[in-house]
C-alpha cells in the first residue's frame, strides 16, 4: 500500500493514467502512437515523443506489433 500512496500524487502531476492496459505502441514519423484501454474498457490512442516499455519480455511482441523479426528473435 505504501508505494500506491507515493505513486498516485506523482501520476496526478504528470498526467499518468493508472489502472490501464497498453495494447499497442507504434512508431510514427512524429514519434509514437500509444493505444490503451482504461479501467472501463474504453480504448484511447495518443501520440508521444518517447515511450518506455517496462514489461516482461514475453509481452513485448503483443504490445509492439511492428517489432522487426531480428528484434523479436532477440527476446528470450
C-alpha atoms as a PDB file:
ATOM      1  CA  UNK A   1       0.000   0.000   0.000  1.00  0.00           C
ATOM      2  CA  UNK A   2       2.808   2.398   0.726  1.00  0.00           C
ATOM      3  CA  UNK A   3       4.022   2.599  -2.878  1.00  0.00           C
ATOM      4  CA  UNK A   4       0.462   3.410  -4.062  1.00  0.00           C
ATOM      5  CA  UNK A   5       0.458   6.483  -1.826  1.00  0.00           C
ATOM      6  CA  UNK A   6       3.771   7.575  -3.351  1.00  0.00           C
ATOM      7  CA  UNK A   7       2.844   6.857  -6.980  1.00  0.00           C
ATOM      8  CA  UNK A   8      -0.629   8.419  -7.079  1.00  0.00           C
ATOM      9  CA  UNK A   9       0.433  12.034  -6.379  1.00  0.00           C
ATOM     10  CA  UNK A  10       3.273  11.750  -8.906  1.00  0.00           C
ATOM     11  CA  UNK A  11       0.932  10.228 -11.503  1.00  0.00           C
ATOM     12  CA  UNK A  12      -1.558  13.062 -10.997  1.00  0.00           C
ATOM     13  CA  UNK A  13       1.116  15.725 -11.559  1.00  0.00           C
ATOM     14  CA  UNK A  14       2.413  14.010 -14.699  1.00  0.00           C
ATOM     15  CA  UNK A  15      -0.991  13.161 -16.162  1.00  0.00           C
ATOM     16  CA  UNK A  16      -0.375   9.412 -15.909  1.00  0.00           C
ATOM     17  CA  UNK A  17      -3.411   7.135 -16.256  1.00  0.00           C
ATOM     18  CA  UNK A  18      -3.371   4.357 -13.668  1.00  0.00           C
ATOM     19  CA  UNK A  19      -5.288   1.071 -14.000  1.00  0.00           C
ATOM     20  CA  UNK A  20      -4.892   0.941 -17.774  1.00  0.00           C
ATOM     21  CA  UNK A  21      -3.672  -1.664 -20.261  1.00  0.00           C
ATOM     22  CA  UNK A  22      -1.457  -0.653 -23.173  1.00  0.00           C
ATOM     23  CA  UNK A  23      -2.459  -2.688 -26.224  1.00  0.00           C
ATOM     24  CA  UNK A  24      -0.105  -1.278 -28.879  1.00  0.00           C
ATOM     25  CA  UNK A  25       2.867   1.038 -29.353  1.00  0.00           C
ATOM     26  CA  UNK A  26       3.703   2.034 -32.929  1.00  0.00           C
ATOM     27  CA  UNK A  27       6.493   4.203 -34.334  1.00  0.00           C
ATOM     28  CA  UNK A  28       5.300   7.174 -36.417  1.00  0.00           C
ATOM     29  CA  UNK A  29       7.125   9.881 -38.366  1.00  0.00           C
ATOM     30  CA  UNK A  30       6.499  12.319 -35.498  1.00  0.00           C
ATOM     31  CA  UNK A  31       7.123   9.961 -32.560  1.00  0.00           C
ATOM     32  CA  UNK A  32       4.914   7.115 -31.364  1.00  0.00           C
ATOM     33  CA  UNK A  33       1.246   6.255 -31.036  1.00  0.00           C
ATOM     34  CA  UNK A  34       0.184   4.500 -27.853  1.00  0.00           C
ATOM     35  CA  UNK A  35      -3.135   2.656 -27.774  1.00  0.00           C
ATOM     36  CA  UNK A  36      -4.537   1.763 -24.370  1.00  0.00           C
ATOM     37  CA  UNK A  37      -7.754   0.779 -22.587  1.00  0.00           C
ATOM     38  CA  UNK A  38      -8.896   2.425 -19.383  1.00  0.00           C
ATOM     39  CA  UNK A  39     -10.441   0.585 -16.438  1.00  0.00           C
ATOM     40  CA  UNK A  40     -13.900   0.727 -18.071  1.00  0.00           C
ATOM     41  CA  UNK A  41     -12.563  -0.788 -21.322  1.00  0.00           C
ATOM     42  CA  UNK A  42     -12.722   2.396 -23.401  1.00  0.00           C
ATOM     43  CA  UNK A  43      -9.901   2.499 -25.996  1.00  0.00           C
ATOM     44  CA  UNK A  44      -7.716   5.579 -26.468  1.00  0.00           C
ATOM     45  CA  UNK A  45      -4.817   6.377 -28.792  1.00  0.00           C
ATOM     46  CA  UNK A  46      -2.398   9.213 -28.098  1.00  0.00           C
ATOM     47  CA  UNK A  47       0.809  10.494 -29.670  1.00  0.00           C
ATOM     48  CA  UNK A  48       4.030  10.553 -27.653  1.00  0.00           C
ATOM     49  CA  UNK A  49       7.563  11.800 -28.272  1.00  0.00           C
ATOM     50  CA  UNK A  50       9.039   8.829 -26.407  1.00  0.00           C
ATOM     51  CA  UNK A  51       7.809   5.633 -24.801  1.00  0.00           C
ATOM     52  CA  UNK A  52       9.222   3.428 -22.066  1.00  0.00           C
ATOM     53  CA  UNK A  53       8.034  -0.178 -22.266  1.00  0.00           C
ATOM     54  CA  UNK A  54       8.675  -1.925 -18.962  1.00  0.00           C
ATOM     55  CA  UNK A  55       7.014  -5.324 -19.210  1.00  0.00           C
ATOM     56  CA  UNK A  56       8.228  -8.921 -19.126  1.00  0.00           C
ATOM     57  CA  UNK A  57       9.899  -9.889 -22.427  1.00  0.00           C
ATOM     58  CA  UNK A  58       7.164 -12.374 -23.460  1.00  0.00           C
ATOM     59  CA  UNK A  59       4.639  -9.482 -23.507  1.00  0.00           C
ATOM     60  CA  UNK A  60       6.714  -7.233 -25.792  1.00  0.00           C
ATOM     61  CA  UNK A  61       5.583  -8.684 -29.171  1.00  0.00           C
ATOM     62  CA  UNK A  62       1.920  -8.176 -28.210  1.00  0.00           C
ATOM     63  CA  UNK A  63       2.483  -4.519 -27.321  1.00  0.00           C
ATOM     64  CA  UNK A  64       4.930  -3.759 -30.161  1.00  0.00           C
ATOM     65  CA  UNK A  65       3.290  -5.348 -33.225  1.00  0.00           C
ATOM     66  CA  UNK A  66       5.699  -3.580 -35.623  1.00  0.00           C
ATOM     67  CA  UNK A  67       8.779  -5.147 -33.996  1.00  0.00           C
ATOM     68  CA  UNK A  68      11.199  -6.382 -36.652  1.00  0.00           C
ATOM     69  CA  UNK A  69      11.926 -10.129 -36.922  1.00  0.00           C
ATOM     70  CA  UNK A  70      15.545  -9.667 -35.722  1.00  0.00           C
ATOM     71  CA  UNK A  71      14.314  -7.730 -32.674  1.00  0.00           C
ATOM     72  CA  UNK A  72      11.683 -10.383 -31.961  1.00  0.00           C
ATOM     73  CA  UNK A  73      14.415 -13.024 -32.189  1.00  0.00           C
ATOM     74  CA  UNK A  74      16.486 -11.258 -29.546  1.00  0.00           C
ATOM     75  CA  UNK A  75      13.750 -11.622 -26.930  1.00  0.00           C
ATOM     76  CA  UNK A  76      14.048 -14.559 -24.532  1.00  0.00           C
END
